[in-house]
C-alpha atoms as a PDB file:
ATOM      1  CA  MET A   1     284.718  65.315 170.611  1.00  0.00           C
ATOM      2  CA  ARG A   2     287.166  65.481 167.610  1.00  0.00           C
ATOM      3  CA  ILE A   3     286.620  66.688 164.042  1.00  0.00           C
ATOM      4  CA  VAL A   4     288.094  67.571 160.906  1.00  0.00           C
ATOM      5  CA  ALA A   5     288.733  70.935 160.570  1.00  0.00           C
ATOM      6  CA  MET A   6     289.615  73.546 157.983  1.00  0.00           C
ATOM      7  CA  GLU A   7     292.677  76.411 157.974  1.00  0.00           C
ATOM      8  CA  GLY A   8     291.155  78.316 155.394  1.00  0.00           C
ATOM      9  CA  PHE A   9     290.137  77.318 152.169  1.00  0.00           C
ATOM     10  CA  GLY A  10     292.630  75.049 149.441  1.00  0.00           C
ATOM     11  CA  GLY A  11     294.174  71.637 149.052  1.00  0.00           C
ATOM     12  CA  ALA A  12     293.809  68.656 151.390  1.00  0.00           C
ATOM     13  CA  GLU A  13     296.762  70.188 153.568  1.00  0.00           C
ATOM     14  CA  VAL A  14     293.915  72.535 155.099  1.00  0.00           C
ATOM     15  CA  LEU A  15     292.662  69.353 156.870  1.00  0.00           C
ATOM     16  CA  ARG A  16     293.398  69.041 160.536  1.00  0.00           C
ATOM     17  CA  ILE A  17     292.237  67.121 163.662  1.00  0.00           C
ATOM     18  CA  ALA A  18     290.575  69.529 166.175  1.00  0.00           C
ATOM     19  CA  GLU A  19     288.782  69.455 169.505  1.00  0.00           C
ATOM     20  CA  ALA A  20     285.220  70.926 169.488  1.00  0.00           C
ATOM     21  CA  GLU A  21     281.830  70.936 171.674  1.00  0.00           C
ATOM     22  CA  ARG A  22     280.006  67.851 171.357  1.00  0.00           C
ATOM     23  CA  PRO A  23     276.270  69.358 169.417  1.00  0.00           C
ATOM     24  CA  ARG A  24     273.156  68.642 170.589  1.00  0.00           C
ATOM     25  CA  PRO A  25     270.103  67.652 169.136  1.00  0.00           C
ATOM     26  CA  GLY A  26     267.343  69.983 168.705  1.00  0.00           C
ATOM     27  CA  ALA A  27     263.615  69.152 168.190  1.00  0.00           C
ATOM     28  CA  GLY A  28     263.047  66.437 165.358  1.00  0.00           C
ATOM     29  CA  GLU A  29     266.732  65.440 165.712  1.00  0.00           C
ATOM     30  CA  VAL A  30     269.340  62.656 167.188  1.00  0.00           C
ATOM     31  CA  LEU A  31     272.852  62.561 168.010  1.00  0.00           C
ATOM     32  CA  ILE A  32     274.689  59.946 166.517  1.00  0.00           C
ATOM     33  CA  GLU A  33     277.798  58.535 167.749  1.00  0.00           C
ATOM     34  CA  VAL A  34     279.804  58.472 164.660  1.00  0.00           C
ATOM     35  CA  ALA A  35     281.308  55.272 163.204  1.00  0.00           C
ATOM     36  CA  ALA A  36     282.310  56.111 159.627  1.00  0.00           C
ATOM     37  CA  ALA A  37     281.500  58.855 157.199  1.00  0.00           C
ATOM     38  CA  GLY A  38     281.253  58.693 153.303  1.00  0.00           C
ATOM     39  CA  LEU A  39     283.566  60.962 151.585  1.00  0.00           C
ATOM     40  CA  ASN A  40     281.518  63.302 148.206  1.00  0.00           C
ATOM     41  CA  ARG A  41     282.985  65.172 145.497  1.00  0.00           C
ATOM     42  CA  ALA A  42     281.078  68.143 147.395  1.00  0.00           C
ATOM     43  CA  ASP A  43     283.534  67.917 150.620  1.00  0.00           C
ATOM     44  CA  ILE A  44     286.334  68.586 147.950  1.00  0.00           C
ATOM     45  CA  LEU A  45     284.501  71.537 146.561  1.00  0.00           C
ATOM     46  CA  GLN A  46     283.359  73.107 149.931  1.00  0.00           C
ATOM     47  CA  ARG A  47     287.199  72.425 151.021  1.00  0.00           C
ATOM     48  CA  GLN A  48     288.379  74.225 148.271  1.00  0.00           C
ATOM     49  CA  GLY A  49     285.622  77.309 149.079  1.00  0.00           C
ATOM     50  CA  HIS A  50     283.208  76.440 145.753  1.00  0.00           C
ATOM     51  CA  TYR A  51     280.326  74.955 147.548  1.00  0.00           C
ATOM     52  CA  PRO A  52     279.003  76.558 151.094  1.00  0.00           C
ATOM     53  CA  PRO A  53     277.212  74.401 153.462  1.00  0.00           C
ATOM     54  CA  PRO A  54     272.865  75.584 153.350  1.00  0.00           C
ATOM     55  CA  ALA A  55     272.517  78.173 155.850  1.00  0.00           C
ATOM     56  CA  GLY A  56     272.419  76.911 159.917  1.00  0.00           C
ATOM     57  CA  ALA A  57     274.381  73.747 158.425  1.00  0.00           C
ATOM     58  CA  PRO A  58     277.614  73.119 160.326  1.00  0.00           C
ATOM     59  CA  GLU A  59     281.207  74.558 158.758  1.00  0.00           C
ATOM     60  CA  VAL A  60     282.650  70.958 159.352  1.00  0.00           C
ATOM     61  CA  LEU A  61     282.547  68.843 156.175  1.00  0.00           C
ATOM     62  CA  GLY A  62     280.513  65.354 155.511  1.00  0.00           C
ATOM     63  CA  MET A  63     277.054  64.605 154.031  1.00  0.00           C
ATOM     64  CA  GLU A  64     276.549  61.179 155.193  1.00  0.00           C
ATOM     65  CA  VAL A  65     277.288  59.108 158.255  1.00  0.00           C
ATOM     66  CA  SER A  66     276.556  56.107 160.278  1.00  0.00           C
ATOM     67  CA  GLY A  67     276.649  55.251 163.995  1.00  0.00           C
ATOM     68  CA  THR A  68     274.775  54.919 167.135  1.00  0.00           C
ATOM     69  CA  VAL A  69     272.016  56.943 168.054  1.00  0.00           C
ATOM     70  CA  VAL A  70     273.030  58.271 171.474  1.00  0.00           C
ATOM     71  CA  GLU A  71     270.637  61.082 172.230  1.00  0.00           C
ATOM     72  CA  CYS A  72     266.789  62.114 170.970  1.00  0.00           C
ATOM     73  CA  GLY A  73     266.067  65.471 170.882  1.00  0.00           C
ATOM     74  CA  PRO A  74     262.491  66.720 171.639  1.00  0.00           C
ATOM     75  CA  GLY A  75     259.655  66.008 169.332  1.00  0.00           C
ATOM     76  CA  ILE A  76     260.840  62.589 167.831  1.00  0.00           C
ATOM     77  CA  LYS A  77     258.088  61.493 165.515  1.00  0.00           C
ATOM     78  CA  GLU A  78     260.237  58.656 164.009  1.00  0.00           C
ATOM     79  CA  ARG A  79     260.994  55.151 165.402  1.00  0.00           C
ATOM     80  CA  TRP A  80     264.495  55.788 166.419  1.00  0.00           C
ATOM     81  CA  LYS A  81     265.295  55.269 170.291  1.00  0.00           C
ATOM     82  CA  VAL A  82     268.877  55.551 171.897  1.00  0.00           C
ATOM     83  CA  GLY A  83     271.322  52.487 171.029  1.00  0.00           C
ATOM     84  CA  ASP A  84     269.749  52.074 167.044  1.00  0.00           C
ATOM     85  CA  ALA A  85     272.422  51.735 164.471  1.00  0.00           C
ATOM     86  CA  VAL A  86     271.634  54.248 161.906  1.00  0.00           C
ATOM     87  CA  CYS A  87     272.956  55.946 158.669  1.00  0.00           C
ATOM     88  CA  ALA A  88     272.064  59.282 157.886  1.00  0.00           C
ATOM     89  CA  LEU A  89     271.939  62.009 155.345  1.00  0.00           C
ATOM     90  CA  VAL A  90     273.018  65.491 156.978  1.00  0.00           C
ATOM     91  CA  PRO A  91     273.883  68.993 155.097  1.00  0.00           C
ATOM     92  CA  GLY A  92     277.321  68.957 157.398  1.00  0.00           C
ATOM     93  CA  GLY A  93     279.010  68.072 160.067  1.00  0.00           C
ATOM     94  CA  GLY A  94     279.718  64.309 159.438  1.00  0.00           C
ATOM     95  CA  TYR A  95     283.707  64.370 159.559  1.00  0.00           C
ATOM     96  CA  ALA A  96     283.297  64.122 163.498  1.00  0.00           C
ATOM     97  CA  GLU A  97     283.163  61.310 166.097  1.00  0.00           C
ATOM     98  CA  PHE A  98     279.348  63.263 166.876  1.00  0.00           C
ATOM     99  CA  CYS A  99     276.739  64.551 164.286  1.00  0.00           C
ATOM    100  CA  VAL A 100     273.149  65.407 164.620  1.00  0.00           C
ATOM    101  CA  ALA A 101     270.929  64.433 162.095  1.00  0.00           C
ATOM    102  CA  HIS A 102     267.254  65.239 161.225  1.00  0.00           C
ATOM    103  CA  ALA A 103     265.190  62.074 162.024  1.00  0.00           C
ATOM    104  CA  GLY A 104     263.391  62.069 159.147  1.00  0.00           C
ATOM    105  CA  CYS A 105     266.623  61.832 157.442  1.00  0.00           C
ATOM    106  CA  CYS A 106     267.997  58.429 158.824  1.00  0.00           C
ATOM    107  CA  LEU A 107     267.843  55.090 157.778  1.00  0.00           C
ATOM    108  CA  PRO A 108     268.079  51.719 159.418  1.00  0.00           C
ATOM    109  CA  VAL A 109     271.477  50.247 158.582  1.00  0.00           C
ATOM    110  CA  PRO A 110     270.543  47.322 156.217  1.00  0.00           C
ATOM    111  CA  HIS A 111     270.826  43.636 157.205  1.00  0.00           C
ATOM    112  CA  GLY A 112     274.356  42.149 157.336  1.00  0.00           C
ATOM    113  CA  LEU A 113     275.860  45.396 156.322  1.00  0.00           C
ATOM    114  CA  THR A 114     278.247  46.703 158.488  1.00  0.00           C
ATOM    115  CA  LEU A 115     278.339  50.134 159.817  1.00  0.00           C
ATOM    116  CA  GLU A 116     281.472  51.405 157.596  1.00  0.00           C
ATOM    117  CA  GLN A 117     279.306  49.669 154.616  1.00  0.00           C
ATOM    118  CA  ALA A 118     276.765  51.618 155.904  1.00  0.00           C
ATOM    119  CA  ALA A 119     278.197  55.086 155.349  1.00  0.00           C
ATOM    120  CA  ALA A 120     278.426  54.639 151.189  1.00  0.00           C
ATOM    121  CA  LEU A 121     274.351  54.613 151.370  1.00  0.00           C
ATOM    122  CA  PRO A 122     272.638  57.585 152.228  1.00  0.00           C
ATOM    123  CA  GLU A 123     274.068  59.820 149.570  1.00  0.00           C
ATOM    124  CA  ALA A 124     274.634  57.913 146.821  1.00  0.00           C
ATOM    125  CA  ALA A 125     271.286  56.042 147.595  1.00  0.00           C
ATOM    126  CA  MET A 126     268.541  58.630 147.714  1.00  0.00           C
ATOM    127  CA  THR A 127     270.462  60.641 144.844  1.00  0.00           C
ATOM    128  CA  VAL A 128     270.105  57.909 142.497  1.00  0.00           C
ATOM    129  CA  TRP A 129     266.462  56.959 143.875  1.00  0.00           C
ATOM    130  CA  ALA A 130     265.825  60.655 142.976  1.00  0.00           C
ATOM    131  CA  ASN A 131     267.306  61.094 139.804  1.00  0.00           C
ATOM    132  CA  LEU A 132     266.119  57.879 138.295  1.00  0.00           C
ATOM    133  CA  PHE A 133     263.335  56.320 139.972  1.00  0.00           C
ATOM    134  CA  ALA A 134     261.523  58.587 142.270  1.00  0.00           C
ATOM    135  CA  THR A 135     257.828  59.159 141.331  1.00  0.00           C
ATOM    136  CA  ASP A 136     256.364  62.041 143.784  1.00  0.00           C
ATOM    137  CA  ALA A 137     255.107  65.279 142.328  1.00  0.00           C
ATOM    138  CA  ARG A 138     258.942  66.672 142.869  1.00  0.00           C
ATOM    139  CA  ASN A 139     260.193  63.565 140.698  1.00  0.00           C
ATOM    140  CA  THR A 140     258.912  62.438 137.572  1.00  0.00           C
ATOM    141  CA  PRO A 141     260.328  58.804 137.110  1.00  0.00           C
ATOM    142  CA  ARG A 142     263.131  58.619 134.274  1.00  0.00           C
ATOM    143  CA  LEU A 143     264.007  54.847 134.338  1.00  0.00           C
ATOM    144  CA  PHE A 144     261.997  51.780 133.452  1.00  0.00           C
ATOM    145  CA  ALA A 145     262.715  48.254 132.788  1.00  0.00           C
ATOM    146  CA  GLY A 146     264.097  47.081 129.021  1.00  0.00           C
ATOM    147  CA  GLU A 147     265.371  50.813 128.813  1.00  0.00           C
ATOM    148  CA  ARG A 148     269.180  51.808 127.901  1.00  0.00           C
ATOM    149  CA  PHE A 149     270.785  53.547 130.681  1.00  0.00           C
ATOM    150  CA  LEU A 150     274.103  55.485 130.395  1.00  0.00           C
ATOM    151  CA  MET A 151     276.155  56.179 133.398  1.00  0.00           C
ATOM    152  CA  GLN A 152     278.914  58.698 133.285  1.00  0.00           C
ATOM    153  CA  GLY A 153     281.346  58.448 136.027  1.00  0.00           C
ATOM    154  CA  GLY A 154     280.498  54.793 136.770  1.00  0.00           C
ATOM    155  CA  THR A 155     283.252  53.832 139.216  1.00  0.00           C
ATOM    156  CA  SER A 156     282.252  56.681 141.398  1.00  0.00           C
ATOM    157  CA  GLY A 157     279.842  56.089 144.798  1.00  0.00           C
ATOM    158  CA  ILE A 158     276.977  57.274 142.783  1.00  0.00           C
ATOM    159  CA  GLY A 159     277.884  55.546 139.489  1.00  0.00           C
ATOM    160  CA  VAL A 160     278.113  52.120 141.158  1.00  0.00           C
ATOM    161  CA  MET A 161     274.677  52.357 142.771  1.00  0.00           C
ATOM    162  CA  ALA A 162     273.068  53.309 139.945  1.00  0.00           C
ATOM    163  CA  ILE A 163     274.557  50.712 137.765  1.00  0.00           C
ATOM    164  CA  GLN A 164     273.479  48.514 140.366  1.00  0.00           C
ATOM    165  CA  ALA A 165     269.675  49.394 140.863  1.00  0.00           C
ATOM    166  CA  ALA A 166     269.328  49.866 137.373  1.00  0.00           C
ATOM    167  CA  ARG A 167     270.203  46.623 136.732  1.00  0.00           C
ATOM    168  CA  ALA A 168     267.881  45.400 139.425  1.00  0.00           C
ATOM    169  CA  ARG A 169     264.951  47.155 138.638  1.00  0.00           C
ATOM    170  CA  GLY A 170     265.402  45.435 134.800  1.00  0.00           C
ATOM    171  CA  ALA A 171     267.722  48.442 132.662  1.00  0.00           C
ATOM    172  CA  HIS A 172     270.217  47.573 130.139  1.00  0.00           C
ATOM    173  CA  VAL A 173     273.200  49.441 131.169  1.00  0.00           C
ATOM    174  CA  ALA A 174     276.951  50.719 130.075  1.00  0.00           C
ATOM    175  CA  ALA A 175     279.352  53.086 131.416  1.00  0.00           C
ATOM    176  CA  THR A 176     282.571  54.802 131.052  1.00  0.00           C
ATOM    177  CA  ALA A 177     285.495  54.542 132.877  1.00  0.00           C
ATOM    178  CA  GLY A 178     289.320  55.905 132.661  1.00  0.00           C
ATOM    179  CA  SER A 179     291.212  53.060 132.542  1.00  0.00           C
ATOM    180  CA  ALA A 180     290.764  48.941 131.143  1.00  0.00           C
ATOM    181  CA  GLU A 181     290.957  47.874 135.073  1.00  0.00           C
ATOM    182  CA  LYS A 182     288.181  50.082 135.566  1.00  0.00           C
ATOM    183  CA  CYS A 183     285.844  49.237 132.835  1.00  0.00           C
ATOM    184  CA  GLU A 184     286.271  45.267 133.675  1.00  0.00           C
ATOM    185  CA  PHE A 185     285.242  46.304 137.330  1.00  0.00           C
ATOM    186  CA  LEU A 186     282.100  47.946 135.580  1.00  0.00           C
ATOM    187  CA  ARG A 187     280.850  44.754 133.704  1.00  0.00           C
ATOM    188  CA  GLY A 188     281.243  42.807 137.145  1.00  0.00           C
ATOM    189  CA  GLN A 189     278.955  45.546 138.474  1.00  0.00           C
ATOM    190  CA  GLY A 190     276.517  44.735 135.778  1.00  0.00           C
ATOM    191  CA  CYS A 191     277.321  46.691 132.871  1.00  0.00           C
ATOM    192  CA  GLU A 192     276.994  45.166 129.235  1.00  0.00           C
ATOM    193  CA  ARG A 193     279.192  47.317 127.931  1.00  0.00           C
ATOM    194  CA  ALA A 194     281.939  49.294 129.158  1.00  0.00           C
ATOM    195  CA  TRP A 195     284.575  52.374 127.770  1.00  0.00           C
ATOM    196  CA  ASN A 196     287.833  53.278 128.195  1.00  0.00           C
ATOM    197  CA  TYR A 197     287.399  57.182 127.555  1.00  0.00           C
ATOM    198  CA  ARG A 198     290.912  57.628 127.818  1.00  0.00           C
ATOM    199  CA  GLU A 199     291.251  55.488 124.592  1.00  0.00           C
ATOM    200  CA  GLU A 200     287.832  54.659 122.808  1.00  0.00           C
ATOM    201  CA  ASP A 201     285.404  56.166 121.159  1.00  0.00           C
ATOM    202  CA  TRP A 202     283.130  55.741 123.722  1.00  0.00           C
ATOM    203  CA  ALA A 203     280.583  57.758 121.854  1.00  0.00           C
ATOM    204  CA  ALA A 204     280.635  55.758 118.668  1.00  0.00           C
ATOM    205  CA  GLY A 205     280.475  52.393 120.854  1.00  0.00           C
ATOM    206  CA  ALA A 206     277.241  53.606 123.065  1.00  0.00           C
ATOM    207  CA  ALA A 207     275.572  54.656 119.496  1.00  0.00           C
ATOM    208  CA  GLU A 208     276.576  51.528 118.108  1.00  0.00           C
ATOM    209  CA  TRP A 209     274.998  49.560 121.766  1.00  0.00           C
ATOM    210  CA  ALA A 210     271.886  51.466 121.855  1.00  0.00           C
ATOM    211  CA  SER A 211     270.771  51.250 117.878  1.00  0.00           C
ATOM    212  CA  GLY A 212     267.814  53.052 118.397  1.00  0.00           C
ATOM    213  CA  GLY A 213     268.985  55.771 120.876  1.00  0.00           C
ATOM    214  CA  VAL A 214     269.935  55.975 124.598  1.00  0.00           C
ATOM    215  CA  ASP A 215     266.959  56.373 126.616  1.00  0.00           C
ATOM    216  CA  VAL A 216     268.493  57.720 129.907  1.00  0.00           C
ATOM    217  CA  ILE A 217     272.227  59.397 130.444  1.00  0.00           C
ATOM    218  CA  LEU A 218     272.941  60.117 133.663  1.00  0.00           C
ATOM    219  CA  ASP A 219     275.986  62.343 133.718  1.00  0.00           C
ATOM    220  CA  MET A 220     278.752  63.937 136.255  1.00  0.00           C
ATOM    221  CA  VAL A 221     280.550  65.571 133.387  1.00  0.00           C
ATOM    222  CA  ALA A 222     278.744  67.936 131.478  1.00  0.00           C
ATOM    223  CA  GLY A 223     280.691  70.307 129.470  1.00  0.00           C
ATOM    224  CA  ASP A 224     281.904  69.030 125.953  1.00  0.00           C
ATOM    225  CA  TYR A 225     279.647  65.906 126.513  1.00  0.00           C
ATOM    226  CA  PHE A 226     276.876  67.794 126.784  1.00  0.00           C
ATOM    227  CA  ALA A 227     276.147  67.725 122.596  1.00  0.00           C
ATOM    228  CA  LYS A 228     277.357  64.075 122.276  1.00  0.00           C
ATOM    229  CA  HIS A 229     274.407  63.298 124.746  1.00  0.00           C
ATOM    230  CA  VAL A 230     271.903  64.937 122.928  1.00  0.00           C
ATOM    231  CA  GLU A 231     272.973  63.069 119.969  1.00  0.00           C
ATOM    232  CA  LEU A 232     273.311  59.936 121.281  1.00  0.00           C
ATOM    233  CA  LEU A 233     269.706  59.989 123.048  1.00  0.00           C
ATOM    234  CA  GLY A 234     266.673  58.329 121.226  1.00  0.00           C
ATOM    235  CA  VAL A 235     263.577  60.245 121.164  1.00  0.00           C
ATOM    236  CA  GLY A 236     262.039  60.661 124.760  1.00  0.00           C
ATOM    237  CA  GLY A 237     265.174  60.603 125.980  1.00  0.00           C
ATOM    238  CA  ARG A 238     266.021  61.469 129.307  1.00  0.00           C
ATOM    239  CA  LEU A 239     269.598  63.659 130.033  1.00  0.00           C
ATOM    240  CA  ILE A 240     270.211  64.078 133.937  1.00  0.00           C
ATOM    241  CA  HIS A 241     272.956  65.892 135.268  1.00  0.00           C
ATOM    242  CA  ILE A 242     274.143  65.822 138.684  1.00  0.00           C
ATOM    243  CA  ALA A 243     277.628  67.168 138.790  1.00  0.00           C
ATOM    244  CA  THR A 244     279.959  69.586 136.236  1.00  0.00           C
ATOM    245  CA  GLY A 245     283.489  67.502 135.837  1.00  0.00           C
ATOM    246  CA  HIS A 246     283.955  69.408 132.482  1.00  0.00           C
ATOM    247  CA  GLY A 247     282.374  72.620 132.987  1.00  0.00           C
ATOM    248  CA  ALA A 248     278.862  74.125 133.740  1.00  0.00           C
ATOM    249  CA  GLU A 249     278.459  75.972 130.645  1.00  0.00           C
ATOM    250  CA  VAL A 250     276.975  74.111 127.081  1.00  0.00           C
ATOM    251  CA  ARG A 251     276.054  74.674 123.717  1.00  0.00           C
ATOM    252  CA  LEU A 252     272.491  73.730 122.941  1.00  0.00           C
ATOM    253  CA  ASP A 253     270.831  73.107 119.658  1.00  0.00           C
ATOM    254  CA  LEU A 254     267.315  73.024 120.815  1.00  0.00           C
ATOM    255  CA  ARG A 255     265.715  71.859 117.301  1.00  0.00           C
ATOM    256  CA  LYS A 256     267.502  68.258 118.360  1.00  0.00           C
ATOM    257  CA  VAL A 257     265.675  68.726 121.594  1.00  0.00           C
ATOM    258  CA  MET A 258     262.534  69.234 120.136  1.00  0.00           C
ATOM    259  CA  ARG A 259     262.650  66.946 117.199  1.00  0.00           C
ATOM    260  CA  LYS A 260     263.774  64.272 119.607  1.00  0.00           C
ATOM    261  CA  ARG A 261     261.003  65.188 122.590  1.00  0.00           C
ATOM    262  CA  LEU A 262     264.124  65.290 124.950  1.00  0.00           C
ATOM    263  CA  THR A 263     263.866  65.974 128.713  1.00  0.00           C
ATOM    264  CA  VAL A 264     267.170  67.676 129.993  1.00  0.00           C
ATOM    265  CA  THR A 265     267.299  68.134 133.604  1.00  0.00           C
ATOM    266  CA  GLY A 266     269.061  68.195 137.002  1.00  0.00           C
ATOM    267  CA  SER A 267     269.431  68.225 140.369  1.00  0.00           C
ATOM    268  CA  THR A 268     271.481  68.745 143.892  1.00  0.00           C
ATOM    269  CA  LEU A 269     270.446  66.743 146.724  1.00  0.00           C
ATOM    270  CA  ARG A 270     271.698  68.885 150.109  1.00  0.00           C
ATOM    271  CA  SER A 271     269.426  72.110 149.757  1.00  0.00           C
ATOM    272  CA  ARG A 272     266.601  70.098 149.360  1.00  0.00           C
ATOM    273  CA  PRO A 273     263.833  70.441 152.532  1.00  0.00           C
ATOM    274  CA  VAL A 274     263.888  68.028 154.666  1.00  0.00           C
ATOM    275  CA  GLU A 275     260.470  66.894 154.231  1.00  0.00           C
ATOM    276  CA  GLU A 276     261.608  66.336 150.768  1.00  0.00           C
ATOM    277  CA  LYS A 277     264.486  64.534 151.511  1.00  0.00           C
ATOM    278  CA  ARG A 278     261.644  61.938 154.105  1.00  0.00           C
ATOM    279  CA  ARG A 279     260.125  61.260 151.163  1.00  0.00           C
ATOM    280  CA  LEU A 280     263.374  59.890 149.486  1.00  0.00           C
ATOM    281  CA  ARG A 281     264.024  58.408 152.558  1.00  0.00           C
ATOM    282  CA  ASP A 282     261.215  56.359 153.223  1.00  0.00           C
ATOM    283  CA  ALA A 283     261.143  55.372 149.141  1.00  0.00           C
ATOM    284  CA  VAL A 284     264.709  54.399 149.510  1.00  0.00           C
ATOM    285  CA  GLU A 285     263.828  52.191 152.556  1.00  0.00           C
ATOM    286  CA  ALA A 286     260.769  50.273 150.941  1.00  0.00           C
ATOM    287  CA  GLU A 287     262.673  50.159 147.529  1.00  0.00           C
ATOM    288  CA  LEU A 288     266.404  49.856 147.613  1.00  0.00           C
ATOM    289  CA  TRP A 289     267.218  48.362 151.145  1.00  0.00           C
ATOM    290  CA  PRO A 290     265.317  44.899 150.061  1.00  0.00           C
ATOM    291  CA  LEU A 291     267.732  44.943 147.393  1.00  0.00           C
ATOM    292  CA  LEU A 292     270.591  45.438 149.570  1.00  0.00           C
ATOM    293  CA  ALA A 293     269.049  42.795 151.800  1.00  0.00           C
ATOM    294  CA  SER A 294     269.100  40.457 149.098  1.00  0.00           C
ATOM    295  CA  GLY A 295     272.386  41.147 147.637  1.00  0.00           C
ATOM    296  CA  GLN A 296     270.910  41.944 144.158  1.00  0.00           C
ATOM    297  CA  VAL A 297     272.600  45.432 144.825  1.00  0.00           C
ATOM    298  CA  ARG A 298     275.999  45.280 147.077  1.00  0.00           C
ATOM    299  CA  VAL A 299     277.851  48.003 148.948  1.00  0.00           C
ATOM    300  CA  VAL A 300     281.623  48.724 147.288  1.00  0.00           C
ATOM    301  CA  VAL A 301     283.710  50.431 149.596  1.00  0.00           C
ATOM    302  CA  ASP A 302     286.923  51.052 147.493  1.00  0.00           C
ATOM    303  CA  ARG A 303     289.002  52.081 150.630  1.00  0.00           C
ATOM    304  CA  ALA A 304     288.508  52.863 154.234  1.00  0.00           C
ATOM    305  CA  PHE A 305     290.579  55.583 155.928  1.00  0.00           C
ATOM    306  CA  ALA A 306     291.270  56.366 159.783  1.00  0.00           C
ATOM    307  CA  MET A 307     290.104  59.749 160.736  1.00  0.00           C
ATOM    308  CA  GLU A 308     293.377  60.724 160.818  1.00  0.00           C
ATOM    309  CA  GLN A 309     294.293  59.987 156.962  1.00  0.00           C
ATOM    310  CA  VAL A 310     291.691  62.725 155.999  1.00  0.00           C
ATOM    311  CA  ALA A 311     293.902  64.135 153.792  1.00  0.00           C
ATOM    312  CA  GLU A 312     294.960  61.085 151.893  1.00  0.00           C
ATOM    313  CA  ALA A 313     291.666  59.885 151.729  1.00  0.00           C
ATOM    314  CA  GLN A 314     290.499  63.350 149.886  1.00  0.00           C
ATOM    315  CA  GLN A 315     293.490  63.193 147.655  1.00  0.00           C
ATOM    316  CA  ARG A 316     292.475  59.048 146.511  1.00  0.00           C
ATOM    317  CA  MET A 317     289.429  60.863 145.380  1.00  0.00           C
ATOM    318  CA  GLU A 318     290.494  63.852 143.835  1.00  0.00           C
ATOM    319  CA  SER A 319     292.520  61.392 141.659  1.00  0.00           C
ATOM    320  CA  SER A 320     290.056  59.474 140.711  1.00  0.00           C
ATOM    321  CA  ALA A 321     291.526  56.169 141.254  1.00  0.00           C
ATOM    322  CA  HIS A 322     288.774  54.857 143.698  1.00  0.00           C
ATOM    323  CA  MET A 323     286.356  52.237 142.472  1.00  0.00           C
ATOM    324  CA  GLY A 324     283.317  52.940 144.838  1.00  0.00           C
ATOM    325  CA  LYS A 325     283.150  54.428 147.643  1.00  0.00           C
ATOM    326  CA  ILE A 326     285.483  55.818 150.168  1.00  0.00           C
ATOM    327  CA  VAL A 327     285.316  56.248 153.752  1.00  0.00           C
ATOM    328  CA  LEU A 328     286.713  57.747 156.837  1.00  0.00           C
ATOM    329  CA  ARG A 329     286.628  55.894 160.305  1.00  0.00           C
ATOM    330  CA  MET A 330     285.685  58.262 162.844  1.00  0.00           C
ATOM    331  CA  ASN A 331     285.863  55.501 165.673  1.00  0.00           C
ATOM    332  CA  GLU A 332     287.355  52.538 165.439  1.00  0.00           C
ATOM    333  CA  LYS A 333     285.592  50.859 168.637  1.00  0.00           C
ATOM    334  CA  MET A 334     282.188  50.845 166.862  1.00  0.00           C
ATOM    335  CA  LYS A 335     283.510  48.698 163.476  1.00  0.00           C
ATOM    336  CA  GLN A 336     280.708  45.939 163.709  1.00  0.00           C
ATOM    337  CA  ILE A 337     278.261  43.767 161.943  1.00  0.00           C
ATOM    338  CA  CYS A 338     275.017  44.737 162.388  1.00  0.00           C
ATOM    339  CA  ALA A 339     272.388  41.851 162.164  1.00  0.00           C
END
């Protein structure tokens, strides 16, 4: 099969198309003929040498795919069979024509979506659910109907999913972006307010919008934004970190956290145990998939690139020019509508 390989760590120029042996599914796994793979910031960090894959995971980039099941490993207890159209969260190996996924991390392609669109879903959907809505023992619910929710990084794939899901579940939503065009896009996704952080005082705008304080902030920035977020949050507010674009080290006045009874937390998804991902998968399918089928939540694909254009695709993500998800087409013949 063909894969996207790396000639060492560095810029997008280290990426190249190479040949590799097709993987075989192990116990509880399926082999997917990949139609498309979603791009994530973690792919870029791994390419740069800053985010190694978990132990035992493939070195090949790519953490979410869509395609068709072509082989089932021994001991499959899930419902998947050869020929099923699925999308899947994987710990690595997605930038390839074939990819192994654990059966518990696979989802059916939502009704009416293409395989290309489905490739944009697993990472964003599970991240949003785990951080905003999950209610199992490892994830307390953090956003409720009627609350005010601020999304930092609103035009990212996760940002677009979070904004739409929060609106669909009854929250008031605002976000930031880096241009007037992106702010207009965010208003089209359901934001009541959107601020251009390059030209506007977004913190002042958010304070005016949420006069009693913001209830929940989902943040990809950290660094110098941290103190502003602590100021913006109201009593009982929740600050959730999923990336550190401005740096991982912050200054914290614990007295403000104590006085407002704030919750400051964060998470990653890639290294979670399969059973935890399975629980997230089940909740996402039960709660978010119907919203996709009804059109209350829509998949926004910024641009789809051919496998051979992987360097250009990652450069677009690094430039932050995209609005929505970027995907790679791994197999042109598999681009189709799934009923």
